[in-house]
Amino acid sequence: MSAIKRVVVDISVVLGRADMPVRQLLKMGRGAVIDLDAKHEDECWIYANGELIARGEIMMVGDRLGVSITRMTSQAEQ
């Protein structure tokens, strides 16, 4: 069991995407809002070590955000 505790997995969740020039990004200050190409009901993408592994939905857990996995992805979707 101790060997499993040493395994590092980088988890990323993508809510949506936006294209903008770097100069515009550098001009943004704290609290700036970036419009994404997703709607609130759209699924998010869940990646483990850069590989798409699942789809999910964003949910509130108390005063924190969480991700609920709605389906695992197949090799064809990756």
Protein backbone atom coordinates (compact mmCIF):
# COMPACT_ATOMS: atom_id res chain seq x y z
CA MET A 1 0.00 0.00 0.00
CA SER A 2 2.88 2.42 0.68
CA ALA A 3 4.04 2.11 -2.95
CA ILE A 4 0.62 3.34 -4.13
CA LYS A 5 0.89 6.42 -1.94
CA ARG A 6 4.07 7.45 -3.81
CA VAL A 7 2.42 7.41 -7.27
CA VAL A 8 1.90 10.95 -8.60
CA VAL A 9 -1.11 11.64 -10.81
CA ASP A 10 -1.70 15.14 -12.19
CA ILE A 11 -5.47 15.72 -12.53
CA SER A 12 -6.76 18.55 -14.76
CA VAL A 13 -10.35 19.58 -15.43
CA VAL A 14 -11.17 21.63 -18.52
CA LEU A 15 -14.38 23.65 -18.29
CA GLY A 16 -14.13 25.28 -21.71
CA ARG A 17 -11.74 27.05 -24.03
CA ALA A 18 -11.02 30.61 -25.14
CA ASP A 19 -8.70 32.07 -27.78
CA MET A 20 -7.02 35.39 -27.08
CA PRO A 21 -3.73 37.09 -27.87
CA VAL A 22 -1.02 36.88 -25.21
CA ARG A 23 -0.93 40.69 -24.94
CA GLN A 24 -4.62 40.69 -23.95
CA LEU A 25 -3.97 38.00 -21.35
CA LEU A 26 -1.06 40.00 -19.90
CA LYS A 27 -3.28 43.10 -19.56
CA MET A 28 -5.82 41.24 -17.43
CA GLY A 29 -5.81 41.93 -13.74
CA ARG A 30 -7.01 40.07 -10.70
CA GLY A 31 -10.71 39.24 -10.94
CA ALA A 32 -10.80 39.49 -14.73
CA VAL A 33 -13.37 37.27 -16.45
CA ILE A 34 -12.54 35.15 -19.49
CA ASP A 35 -15.51 34.05 -21.62
CA LEU A 36 -15.33 30.35 -22.42
CA ASP A 37 -16.93 28.52 -25.34
CA ALA A 38 -19.01 26.33 -23.00
CA LYS A 39 -22.44 26.65 -21.43
CA HIS A 40 -23.15 25.89 -17.79
CA GLU A 41 -24.87 22.60 -18.68
CA ASP A 42 -21.95 21.34 -20.84
CA GLU A 43 -19.76 18.49 -19.62
CA CYS A 44 -16.20 19.17 -18.54
CA TRP A 45 -13.19 17.08 -19.59
CA ILE A 46 -11.15 15.27 -16.94
CA TYR A 47 -7.49 14.49 -17.70
CA ALA A 48 -5.01 12.34 -15.74
CA ASN A 49 -1.37 12.99 -16.65
CA GLY A 50 -2.49 14.66 -19.88
CA GLU A 51 -4.75 11.78 -21.00
CA LEU A 52 -8.52 12.25 -21.30
CA ILE A 53 -10.04 9.71 -18.90
CA ALA A 54 -13.57 10.90 -18.17
CA ARG A 55 -16.31 13.47 -18.60
CA GLY A 56 -18.01 15.14 -15.68
CA GLU A 57 -20.08 17.98 -14.36
CA ILE A 58 -19.18 20.79 -11.98
CA MET A 59 -20.98 20.81 -8.66
CA MET A 60 -20.90 22.77 -5.42
CA VAL A 61 -19.77 20.90 -2.31
CA GLY A 62 -20.42 23.25 0.58
CA ASP A 63 -18.48 26.40 -0.30
CA ARG A 64 -16.11 24.56 -2.68
CA LEU A 65 -16.31 23.42 -6.29
CA GLY A 66 -16.21 19.73 -7.10
CA VAL A 67 -16.38 17.51 -10.16
CA SER A 68 -18.78 14.59 -10.46
CA ILE A 69 -17.70 11.97 -13.01
CA THR A 70 -20.60 11.24 -15.35
CA ARG A 71 -18.87 8.78 -17.67
CA MET A 72 -15.49 7.25 -18.35
CA THR A 73 -14.10 7.76 -21.85
CA SER A 74 -13.20 4.97 -24.25
CA GLN A 75 -10.00 4.69 -26.28
CA ALA A 76 -11.91 5.93 -29.36
CA GLU A 77 -12.86 9.20 -27.61
CA GLN A 78 -9.29 9.85 -26.51
